[in-house]
């Protein structure tokens, strides 16, 4: 199956067949965990789960690891959250990120690297856990810190499927940014804090070698609204370099957190280019 077809299939599975995946939808979250775990297993990975409690219930992060051949202690985390808010089936937010995570894991499975890559699907990114210690990504980052793993960086896939070629379709949190960045939402972005700039640019270099999809990078302080609005926030709290790969969410996608965030609104060919670029970037990192 080609990459665009796989991405569409995964997004449809999550957002149409399973549907709304809030922290209260325990059966649907269990189905999601089983689906993601099954895909990782089918790709040949050993799959593990990190369980944690929130509001009296148990939630799970799903982890698949490709152990490095020469320097397995050096780790790159690639992650995406699989939950949604209650108002949406979440095709872009964030079935698109999970689909990209799965496809990337599939493509890299047969290409072992010198360093270790961990693919992690996170529970509880959305409210009420959002930007708190209850996020699945916070639990996982805390575990890495406790175990003193040599995490060289974290890539967060946060909404990677919505693109527009309409002039004026791209918006920004600060008006002057329109003078520097594109006014058309036909690109993907790598966004992180200032401390993660070197890591972001390193990955951007590898990305650009593999695809003609326009890429914008931004490393800025948290005062820029949206700069840390996903699971990379958790890794930043523990001092790890981290950025999100994003279509910029509500700055572009009119379906954000709404019932209209459906599979047919996404561009799977350009999503595939995101995956291709990330694969090249990860492979280059793994050979350094």
C-alpha atoms as a PDB file:
ATOM      1  CA  UNK A   1       0.000   0.000   0.000  1.00  0.00           C
ATOM      2  CA  UNK A   2       1.385   3.415  -0.914  1.00  0.00           C
ATOM      3  CA  UNK A   3       1.836   6.094   1.721  1.00  0.00           C
ATOM      4  CA  UNK A   4      -1.153   8.353   0.857  1.00  0.00           C
ATOM      5  CA  UNK A   5      -3.496   5.335   0.867  1.00  0.00           C
ATOM      6  CA  UNK A   6      -2.172   4.117   4.211  1.00  0.00           C
ATOM      7  CA  UNK A   7      -2.521   7.564   5.753  1.00  0.00           C
ATOM      8  CA  UNK A   8      -6.136   7.856   4.585  1.00  0.00           C
ATOM      9  CA  UNK A   9      -6.901   4.388   5.919  1.00  0.00           C
ATOM     10  CA  UNK A  10      -5.414   5.154   9.349  1.00  0.00           C
ATOM     11  CA  UNK A  11      -7.119   8.544   9.650  1.00  0.00           C
ATOM     12  CA  UNK A  12     -10.458   7.015   8.645  1.00  0.00           C
ATOM     13  CA  UNK A  13     -10.042   4.183  11.142  1.00  0.00           C
ATOM     14  CA  UNK A  14      -9.412   6.574  14.006  1.00  0.00           C
ATOM     15  CA  UNK A  15     -11.823   9.390  13.220  1.00  0.00           C
ATOM     16  CA  UNK A  16     -14.730   7.576  11.543  1.00  0.00           C
ATOM     17  CA  UNK A  17     -14.687   3.984  12.761  1.00  0.00           C
ATOM     18  CA  UNK A  18     -13.558   4.688  16.339  1.00  0.00           C
ATOM     19  CA  UNK A  19     -14.644   8.327  16.495  1.00  0.00           C
ATOM     20  CA  UNK A  20     -14.471  10.879  19.303  1.00  0.00           C
ATOM     21  CA  UNK A  21     -11.651   9.901  21.695  1.00  0.00           C
ATOM     22  CA  UNK A  22     -11.888  12.059  24.821  1.00  0.00           C
ATOM     23  CA  UNK A  23     -10.499  11.157  28.221  1.00  0.00           C
ATOM     24  CA  UNK A  24     -14.017   9.997  29.142  1.00  0.00           C
ATOM     25  CA  UNK A  25     -14.415   7.631  26.168  1.00  0.00           C
ATOM     26  CA  UNK A  26     -12.645   4.662  27.745  1.00  0.00           C
ATOM     27  CA  UNK A  27     -13.899   2.012  25.316  1.00  0.00           C
ATOM     28  CA  UNK A  28     -12.858   4.105  22.316  1.00  0.00           C
ATOM     29  CA  UNK A  29      -9.474   4.845  23.831  1.00  0.00           C
ATOM     30  CA  UNK A  30      -8.982   1.125  24.435  1.00  0.00           C
ATOM     31  CA  UNK A  31      -9.864   0.436  20.792  1.00  0.00           C
ATOM     32  CA  UNK A  32      -7.355   3.086  19.754  1.00  0.00           C
ATOM     33  CA  UNK A  33      -4.609   1.571  21.903  1.00  0.00           C
ATOM     34  CA  UNK A  34      -5.352  -1.863  20.450  1.00  0.00           C
ATOM     35  CA  UNK A  35      -5.264  -0.513  16.893  1.00  0.00           C
ATOM     36  CA  UNK A  36      -1.983   1.339  17.330  1.00  0.00           C
ATOM     37  CA  UNK A  37      -0.402  -1.591  19.169  1.00  0.00           C
ATOM     38  CA  UNK A  38      -1.540  -3.971  16.435  1.00  0.00           C
ATOM     39  CA  UNK A  39      -0.032  -1.816  13.705  1.00  0.00           C
ATOM     40  CA  UNK A  40       3.316  -1.509  15.485  1.00  0.00           C
ATOM     41  CA  UNK A  41       3.353  -5.274  16.041  1.00  0.00           C
ATOM     42  CA  UNK A  42       2.543  -5.944  12.384  1.00  0.00           C
ATOM     43  CA  UNK A  43       5.525  -3.793  11.426  1.00  0.00           C
ATOM     44  CA  UNK A  44       7.773  -6.084  13.479  1.00  0.00           C
ATOM     45  CA  UNK A  45       8.212  -3.977  16.627  1.00  0.00           C
ATOM     46  CA  UNK A  46       8.198  -5.099  20.226  1.00  0.00           C
ATOM     47  CA  UNK A  47       5.411  -3.013  21.742  1.00  0.00           C
ATOM     48  CA  UNK A  48       5.232  -1.838  25.340  1.00  0.00           C
ATOM     49  CA  UNK A  49       2.743   0.280  27.273  1.00  0.00           C
ATOM     50  CA  UNK A  50       3.173   2.899  29.964  1.00  0.00           C
ATOM     51  CA  UNK A  51       0.101   3.073  32.189  1.00  0.00           C
ATOM     52  CA  UNK A  52      -0.794   6.025  34.394  1.00  0.00           C
ATOM     53  CA  UNK A  53      -3.771   7.248  36.394  1.00  0.00           C
ATOM     54  CA  UNK A  54      -5.930  10.311  35.869  1.00  0.00           C
ATOM     55  CA  UNK A  55      -9.315  11.149  37.390  1.00  0.00           C
ATOM     56  CA  UNK A  56      -9.608   7.645  38.797  1.00  0.00           C
ATOM     57  CA  UNK A  57      -8.995   5.878  35.470  1.00  0.00           C
ATOM     58  CA  UNK A  58      -6.008   4.263  33.772  1.00  0.00           C
ATOM     59  CA  UNK A  59      -4.594   5.520  30.469  1.00  0.00           C
ATOM     60  CA  UNK A  60      -1.816   4.175  28.283  1.00  0.00           C
ATOM     61  CA  UNK A  61       1.035   5.418  26.150  1.00  0.00           C
ATOM     62  CA  UNK A  62       2.009   2.984  23.385  1.00  0.00           C
ATOM     63  CA  UNK A  63       5.726   2.586  22.645  1.00  0.00           C
ATOM     64  CA  UNK A  64       7.559   0.872  19.775  1.00  0.00           C
ATOM     65  CA  UNK A  65      11.349   0.895  19.717  1.00  0.00           C
ATOM     66  CA  UNK A  66      13.882   0.451  16.916  1.00  0.00           C
ATOM     67  CA  UNK A  67      17.096  -0.164  18.832  1.00  0.00           C
ATOM     68  CA  UNK A  68      20.266   1.376  17.436  1.00  0.00           C
ATOM     69  CA  UNK A  69      23.073  -0.866  16.224  1.00  0.00           C
ATOM     70  CA  UNK A  70      26.111   1.104  17.398  1.00  0.00           C
ATOM     71  CA  UNK A  71      24.920   3.679  19.931  1.00  0.00           C
ATOM     72  CA  UNK A  72      21.613   2.323  21.292  1.00  0.00           C
ATOM     73  CA  UNK A  73      21.836   4.551  24.367  1.00  0.00           C
ATOM     74  CA  UNK A  74      21.256   7.641  22.184  1.00  0.00           C
ATOM     75  CA  UNK A  75      17.527   8.099  21.669  1.00  0.00           C
ATOM     76  CA  UNK A  76      15.188  10.054  19.419  1.00  0.00           C
ATOM     77  CA  UNK A  77      11.509  10.139  20.400  1.00  0.00           C
ATOM     78  CA  UNK A  78       8.877  10.604  17.702  1.00  0.00           C
ATOM     79  CA  UNK A  79       5.415  11.034  19.197  1.00  0.00           C
ATOM     80  CA  UNK A  80       1.791  11.945  18.528  1.00  0.00           C
ATOM     81  CA  UNK A  81      -1.281  12.101  20.761  1.00  0.00           C
ATOM     82  CA  UNK A  82      -4.294   9.960  19.931  1.00  0.00           C
ATOM     83  CA  UNK A  83      -7.028  11.605  22.026  1.00  0.00           C
ATOM     84  CA  UNK A  84      -9.465  14.332  20.943  1.00  0.00           C
ATOM     85  CA  UNK A  85     -11.720  16.924  22.514  1.00  0.00           C
ATOM     86  CA  UNK A  86     -15.426  16.038  22.839  1.00  0.00           C
ATOM     87  CA  UNK A  87     -16.555  18.232  19.944  1.00  0.00           C
ATOM     88  CA  UNK A  88     -14.684  16.440  17.163  1.00  0.00           C
ATOM     89  CA  UNK A  89     -13.788  13.089  15.597  1.00  0.00           C
ATOM     90  CA  UNK A  90     -10.331  14.582  15.183  1.00  0.00           C
ATOM     91  CA  UNK A  91      -9.191  13.663  11.677  1.00  0.00           C
ATOM     92  CA  UNK A  92      -6.511  16.354  11.637  1.00  0.00           C
ATOM     93  CA  UNK A  93      -6.286  16.731  15.434  1.00  0.00           C
ATOM     94  CA  UNK A  94      -4.762  14.282  15.801  1.00  0.00           C
ATOM     95  CA  UNK A  95      -5.500  11.212  13.725  1.00  0.00           C
ATOM     96  CA  UNK A  96      -3.254  12.775  11.086  1.00  0.00           C
ATOM     97  CA  UNK A  97      -0.330  12.838  13.519  1.00  0.00           C
ATOM     98  CA  UNK A  98      -0.919   9.240  14.599  1.00  0.00           C
ATOM     99  CA  UNK A  99      -1.223   8.103  10.978  1.00  0.00           C
ATOM    100  CA  UNK A 100       2.064   9.836  10.184  1.00  0.00           C
ATOM    101  CA  UNK A 101       3.689   8.236  13.230  1.00  0.00           C
ATOM    102  CA  UNK A 102       2.547   4.769  12.163  1.00  0.00           C
ATOM    103  CA  UNK A 103       3.629   5.166   8.554  1.00  0.00           C
ATOM    104  CA  UNK A 104       7.017   6.510   9.587  1.00  0.00           C
ATOM    105  CA  UNK A 105       7.464   3.522  11.899  1.00  0.00           C
ATOM    106  CA  UNK A 106       6.532   1.181   9.050  1.00  0.00           C
ATOM    107  CA  UNK A 107       8.989   2.729   6.603  1.00  0.00           C
ATOM    108  CA  UNK A 108      11.890   2.814   9.059  1.00  0.00           C
ATOM    109  CA  UNK A 109      11.258  -0.678  10.465  1.00  0.00           C
ATOM    110  CA  UNK A 110      13.406  -2.293   7.775  1.00  0.00           C
ATOM    111  CA  UNK A 111      16.200   0.249   8.044  1.00  0.00           C
ATOM    112  CA  UNK A 112      17.892  -0.098  11.443  1.00  0.00           C
ATOM    113  CA  UNK A 113      19.923   2.962  12.405  1.00  0.00           C
ATOM    114  CA  UNK A 114      23.029   3.446  14.512  1.00  0.00           C
ATOM    115  CA  UNK A 115      20.988   5.165  17.230  1.00  0.00           C
ATOM    116  CA  UNK A 116      17.643   4.269  18.803  1.00  0.00           C
ATOM    117  CA  UNK A 117      14.284   5.629  17.673  1.00  0.00           C
ATOM    118  CA  UNK A 118      11.181   5.301  19.847  1.00  0.00           C
ATOM    119  CA  UNK A 119       7.745   5.829  18.350  1.00  0.00           C
ATOM    120  CA  UNK A 120       5.253   6.806  21.049  1.00  0.00           C
ATOM    121  CA  UNK A 121       1.490   7.346  20.823  1.00  0.00           C
ATOM    122  CA  UNK A 122       0.463   9.505  23.781  1.00  0.00           C
ATOM    123  CA  UNK A 123      -2.768   9.562  25.743  1.00  0.00           C
ATOM    124  CA  UNK A 124      -4.264  12.756  27.202  1.00  0.00           C
ATOM    125  CA  UNK A 125      -2.863  15.706  25.336  1.00  0.00           C
ATOM    126  CA  UNK A 126      -6.196  17.507  25.217  1.00  0.00           C
ATOM    127  CA  UNK A 127      -8.017  19.278  28.109  1.00  0.00           C
ATOM    128  CA  UNK A 128      -8.405  18.784  31.014  1.00  0.00           C
ATOM    129  CA  UNK A 129      -4.908  17.239  31.070  1.00  0.00           C
ATOM    130  CA  UNK A 130      -3.525  19.756  28.582  1.00  0.00           C
ATOM    131  CA  UNK A 131      -0.310  21.516  29.670  1.00  0.00           C
ATOM    132  CA  UNK A 132      -0.284  19.749  33.048  1.00  0.00           C
ATOM    133  CA  UNK A 133       1.633  16.893  34.620  1.00  0.00           C
ATOM    134  CA  UNK A 134      -1.300  14.635  33.724  1.00  0.00           C
ATOM    135  CA  UNK A 135      -0.459  14.543  30.026  1.00  0.00           C
ATOM    136  CA  UNK A 136       0.695  11.191  28.716  1.00  0.00           C
ATOM    137  CA  UNK A 137       3.752  12.846  27.197  1.00  0.00           C
ATOM    138  CA  UNK A 138       4.667  14.389  30.559  1.00  0.00           C
ATOM    139  CA  UNK A 139       4.548  10.962  32.208  1.00  0.00           C
ATOM    140  CA  UNK A 140       6.765   9.544  29.463  1.00  0.00           C
ATOM    141  CA  UNK A 141       9.276  12.413  29.523  1.00  0.00           C
ATOM    142  CA  UNK A 142       9.480  12.156  33.320  1.00  0.00           C
ATOM    143  CA  UNK A 143      10.220   8.439  32.997  1.00  0.00           C
ATOM    144  CA  UNK A 144      13.023   9.127  30.528  1.00  0.00           C
ATOM    145  CA  UNK A 145      14.537  11.704  32.860  1.00  0.00           C
ATOM    146  CA  UNK A 146      14.371   9.337  35.810  1.00  0.00           C
ATOM    147  CA  UNK A 147      16.056   6.592  33.826  1.00  0.00           C
ATOM    148  CA  UNK A 148      18.732   9.038  32.617  1.00  0.00           C
ATOM    149  CA  UNK A 149      18.196   8.093  28.979  1.00  0.00           C
ATOM    150  CA  UNK A 150      20.325  10.059  26.499  1.00  0.00           C
ATOM    151  CA  UNK A 151      17.447  11.680  24.655  1.00  0.00           C
ATOM    152  CA  UNK A 152      18.897  13.758  21.823  1.00  0.00           C
ATOM    153  CA  UNK A 153      15.538  15.172  20.803  1.00  0.00           C
ATOM    154  CA  UNK A 154      11.792  14.763  20.441  1.00  0.00           C
ATOM    155  CA  UNK A 155       9.646  15.259  17.331  1.00  0.00           C
ATOM    156  CA  UNK A 156       5.936  15.800  17.953  1.00  0.00           C
ATOM    157  CA  UNK A 157       3.490  15.187  15.091  1.00  0.00           C
ATOM    158  CA  UNK A 158       0.633  17.593  15.803  1.00  0.00           C
ATOM    159  CA  UNK A 159      -1.870  18.022  12.962  1.00  0.00           C
ATOM    160  CA  UNK A 160      -0.091  17.364   9.668  1.00  0.00           C
ATOM    161  CA  UNK A 161      -2.947  16.945   7.193  1.00  0.00           C
ATOM    162  CA  UNK A 162      -4.650  20.244   6.339  1.00  0.00           C
ATOM    163  CA  UNK A 163      -3.302  22.372   3.493  1.00  0.00           C
ATOM    164  CA  UNK A 164      -4.757  25.204   1.451  1.00  0.00           C
ATOM    165  CA  UNK A 165      -3.669  26.960  -1.747  1.00  0.00           C
ATOM    166  CA  UNK A 166      -6.077  29.845  -1.214  1.00  0.00           C
ATOM    167  CA  UNK A 167      -4.418  33.264  -0.860  1.00  0.00           C
ATOM    168  CA  UNK A 168      -4.852  34.563   2.680  1.00  0.00           C
ATOM    169  CA  UNK A 169      -5.567  31.100   4.094  1.00  0.00           C
ATOM    170  CA  UNK A 170      -2.670  31.259   6.560  1.00  0.00           C
ATOM    171  CA  UNK A 171      -2.907  33.295   9.759  1.00  0.00           C
ATOM    172  CA  UNK A 172      -0.479  34.027  12.601  1.00  0.00           C
ATOM    173  CA  UNK A 173      -0.598  34.966  16.288  1.00  0.00           C
ATOM    174  CA  UNK A 174       1.266  38.230  15.745  1.00  0.00           C
ATOM    175  CA  UNK A 175       0.354  40.494  12.792  1.00  0.00           C
ATOM    176  CA  UNK A 176       3.929  41.298  11.721  1.00  0.00           C
ATOM    177  CA  UNK A 177       4.584  37.584  11.118  1.00  0.00           C
ATOM    178  CA  UNK A 178       2.661  37.904   7.842  1.00  0.00           C
ATOM    179  CA  UNK A 179       5.545  40.032   6.583  1.00  0.00           C
ATOM    180  CA  UNK A 180       8.027  37.210   7.177  1.00  0.00           C
ATOM    181  CA  UNK A 181       6.030  34.027   6.649  1.00  0.00           C
ATOM    182  CA  UNK A 182       3.759  32.785   3.815  1.00  0.00           C
ATOM    183  CA  UNK A 183       0.187  34.016   3.519  1.00  0.00           C
ATOM    184  CA  UNK A 184      -0.886  30.738   1.904  1.00  0.00           C
ATOM    185  CA  UNK A 185      -1.320  27.598   4.015  1.00  0.00           C
ATOM    186  CA  UNK A 186       0.469  25.229   1.649  1.00  0.00           C
ATOM    187  CA  UNK A 187       3.449  24.388   3.867  1.00  0.00           C
ATOM    188  CA  UNK A 188       4.329  22.335   6.923  1.00  0.00           C
ATOM    189  CA  UNK A 189       6.048  23.892   9.934  1.00  0.00           C
ATOM    190  CA  UNK A 190       8.563  22.817  12.565  1.00  0.00           C
ATOM    191  CA  UNK A 191       7.878  24.866  15.680  1.00  0.00           C
ATOM    192  CA  UNK A 192       9.666  24.857  19.023  1.00  0.00           C
ATOM    193  CA  UNK A 193      11.270  26.923  21.745  1.00  0.00           C
ATOM    194  CA  UNK A 194      14.538  28.810  21.429  1.00  0.00           C
ATOM    195  CA  UNK A 195      16.584  26.142  23.189  1.00  0.00           C
ATOM    196  CA  UNK A 196      15.519  23.646  20.523  1.00  0.00           C
ATOM    197  CA  UNK A 197      16.663  25.745  17.564  1.00  0.00           C
ATOM    198  CA  UNK A 198      19.776  23.732  16.696  1.00  0.00           C
ATOM    199  CA  UNK A 199      17.869  20.452  16.820  1.00  0.00           C
ATOM    200  CA  UNK A 200      15.023  21.910  14.732  1.00  0.00           C
ATOM    201  CA  UNK A 201      17.379  23.192  12.050  1.00  0.00           C
ATOM    202  CA  UNK A 202      19.249  19.891  11.978  1.00  0.00           C
ATOM    203  CA  UNK A 203      16.034  17.981  11.295  1.00  0.00           C
ATOM    204  CA  UNK A 204      14.822  20.609   8.832  1.00  0.00           C
ATOM    205  CA  UNK A 205      18.001  20.139   6.807  1.00  0.00           C
ATOM    206  CA  UNK A 206      17.377  16.427   6.426  1.00  0.00           C
ATOM    207  CA  UNK A 207      13.690  17.009   5.691  1.00  0.00           C
ATOM    208  CA  UNK A 208      14.348  19.418   2.825  1.00  0.00           C
ATOM    209  CA  UNK A 209      16.663  16.950   1.081  1.00  0.00           C
ATOM    210  CA  UNK A 210      13.824  14.473   0.545  1.00  0.00           C
ATOM    211  CA  UNK A 211      10.756  16.494  -0.460  1.00  0.00           C
ATOM    212  CA  UNK A 212       9.671  19.606  -2.325  1.00  0.00           C
ATOM    213  CA  UNK A 213       6.953  20.353   0.244  1.00  0.00           C
ATOM    214  CA  UNK A 214       7.565  23.878   1.575  1.00  0.00           C
ATOM    215  CA  UNK A 215       8.873  23.881   5.148  1.00  0.00           C
ATOM    216  CA  UNK A 216       8.879  26.773   7.602  1.00  0.00           C
ATOM    217  CA  UNK A 217      10.777  26.678  10.907  1.00  0.00           C
ATOM    218  CA  UNK A 218      10.159  28.843  13.948  1.00  0.00           C
ATOM    219  CA  UNK A 219      11.871  28.746  17.333  1.00  0.00           C
ATOM    220  CA  UNK A 220      10.463  31.393  19.611  1.00  0.00           C
ATOM    221  CA  UNK A 221       9.562  32.087  23.254  1.00  0.00           C
ATOM    222  CA  UNK A 222       6.273  30.826  24.684  1.00  0.00           C
ATOM    223  CA  UNK A 223       4.826  34.337  24.455  1.00  0.00           C
ATOM    224  CA  UNK A 224       4.100  33.476  20.799  1.00  0.00           C
ATOM    225  CA  UNK A 225       0.693  31.818  21.159  1.00  0.00           C
ATOM    226  CA  UNK A 226       0.783  28.213  19.989  1.00  0.00           C
ATOM    227  CA  UNK A 227       4.549  27.743  20.054  1.00  0.00           C
ATOM    228  CA  UNK A 228       4.338  25.004  22.701  1.00  0.00           C
ATOM    229  CA  UNK A 229       0.736  23.854  22.336  1.00  0.00           C
ATOM    230  CA  UNK A 230       1.376  20.108  22.188  1.00  0.00           C
ATOM    231  CA  UNK A 231       3.372  17.196  23.581  1.00  0.00           C
ATOM    232  CA  UNK A 232       6.760  18.783  22.872  1.00  0.00           C
ATOM    233  CA  UNK A 233       5.893  21.097  25.778  1.00  0.00           C
ATOM    234  CA  UNK A 234       6.313  18.137  28.155  1.00  0.00           C
ATOM    235  CA  UNK A 235       9.784  17.332  26.854  1.00  0.00           C
ATOM    236  CA  UNK A 236      10.819  20.959  27.096  1.00  0.00           C
ATOM    237  CA  UNK A 237       9.899  20.868  30.783  1.00  0.00           C
ATOM    238  CA  UNK A 238      12.648  18.282  31.270  1.00  0.00           C
ATOM    239  CA  UNK A 239      15.207  20.136  29.200  1.00  0.00           C
ATOM    240  CA  UNK A 240      15.020  17.992  26.077  1.00  0.00           C
ATOM    241  CA  UNK A 241      15.241  19.604  22.617  1.00  0.00           C
ATOM    242  CA  UNK A 242      11.805  19.236  21.063  1.00  0.00           C
ATOM    243  CA  UNK A 243       9.612  20.684  18.326  1.00  0.00           C
ATOM    244  CA  UNK A 244       6.267  19.943  16.721  1.00  0.00           C
ATOM    245  CA  UNK A 245       5.612  19.258  13.063  1.00  0.00           C
ATOM    246  CA  UNK A 246       2.329  21.028  12.348  1.00  0.00           C
ATOM    247  CA  UNK A 247       0.001  22.442   9.727  1.00  0.00           C
ATOM    248  CA  UNK A 248      -0.468  25.277  12.289  1.00  0.00           C
ATOM    249  CA  UNK A 249      -3.876  24.074  13.524  1.00  0.00           C
ATOM    250  CA  UNK A 250      -6.352  26.925  14.154  1.00  0.00           C
ATOM    251  CA  UNK A 251      -4.149  29.388  12.281  1.00  0.00           C
ATOM    252  CA  UNK A 252      -5.160  27.556   9.080  1.00  0.00           C
ATOM    253  CA  UNK A 253      -7.696  24.779   9.572  1.00  0.00           C
ATOM    254  CA  UNK A 254     -11.303  26.065   9.951  1.00  0.00           C
ATOM    255  CA  UNK A 255     -12.365  22.611  11.198  1.00  0.00           C
ATOM    256  CA  UNK A 256     -10.187  22.732  14.312  1.00  0.00           C
ATOM    257  CA  UNK A 257     -11.940  21.096  17.308  1.00  0.00           C
ATOM    258  CA  UNK A 258     -15.220  20.942  15.405  1.00  0.00           C
ATOM    259  CA  UNK A 259     -17.483  18.143  14.082  1.00  0.00           C
ATOM    260  CA  UNK A 260     -16.259  18.984  10.570  1.00  0.00           C
ATOM    261  CA  UNK A 261     -12.701  17.754  11.250  1.00  0.00           C
ATOM    262  CA  UNK A 262     -13.278  14.758   8.981  1.00  0.00           C
ATOM    263  CA  UNK A 263     -11.044  12.537   6.800  1.00  0.00           C
ATOM    264  CA  UNK A 264     -12.149  14.057   3.488  1.00  0.00           C
ATOM    265  CA  UNK A 265     -10.847  17.497   4.500  1.00  0.00           C
ATOM    266  CA  UNK A 266      -7.205  16.337   4.534  1.00  0.00           C
ATOM    267  CA  UNK A 267      -4.576  16.255   1.783  1.00  0.00           C
ATOM    268  CA  UNK A 268      -3.007  12.794   1.899  1.00  0.00           C
ATOM    269  CA  UNK A 269      -0.513  13.412  -0.891  1.00  0.00           C
ATOM    270  CA  UNK A 270       1.039  16.315   0.985  1.00  0.00           C
ATOM    271  CA  UNK A 271       0.807  14.368   4.242  1.00  0.00           C
ATOM    272  CA  UNK A 272       2.872  11.676   2.514  1.00  0.00           C
ATOM    273  CA  UNK A 273       5.502  14.272   1.683  1.00  0.00           C
ATOM    274  CA  UNK A 274       5.663  15.186   5.388  1.00  0.00           C
ATOM    275  CA  UNK A 275       6.363  11.537   6.194  1.00  0.00           C
ATOM    276  CA  UNK A 276       8.975  11.272   3.436  1.00  0.00           C
ATOM    277  CA  UNK A 277      10.777  14.345   4.717  1.00  0.00           C
ATOM    278  CA  UNK A 278      10.703  13.131   8.293  1.00  0.00           C
ATOM    279  CA  UNK A 279      12.016   9.717   7.290  1.00  0.00           C
ATOM    280  CA  UNK A 280      15.019  11.335   5.619  1.00  0.00           C
ATOM    281  CA  UNK A 281      15.616  13.580   8.635  1.00  0.00           C
ATOM    282  CA  UNK A 282      15.416  10.679  11.102  1.00  0.00           C
ATOM    283  CA  UNK A 283      17.685   8.491   8.984  1.00  0.00           C
ATOM    284  CA  UNK A 284      20.254  11.269   8.735  1.00  0.00           C
ATOM    285  CA  UNK A 285      20.141  11.788  12.511  1.00  0.00           C
ATOM    286  CA  UNK A 286      20.517   8.049  13.061  1.00  0.00           C
ATOM    287  CA  UNK A 287      23.701   7.927  11.020  1.00  0.00           C
ATOM    288  CA  UNK A 288      25.507  10.852  12.669  1.00  0.00           C
END
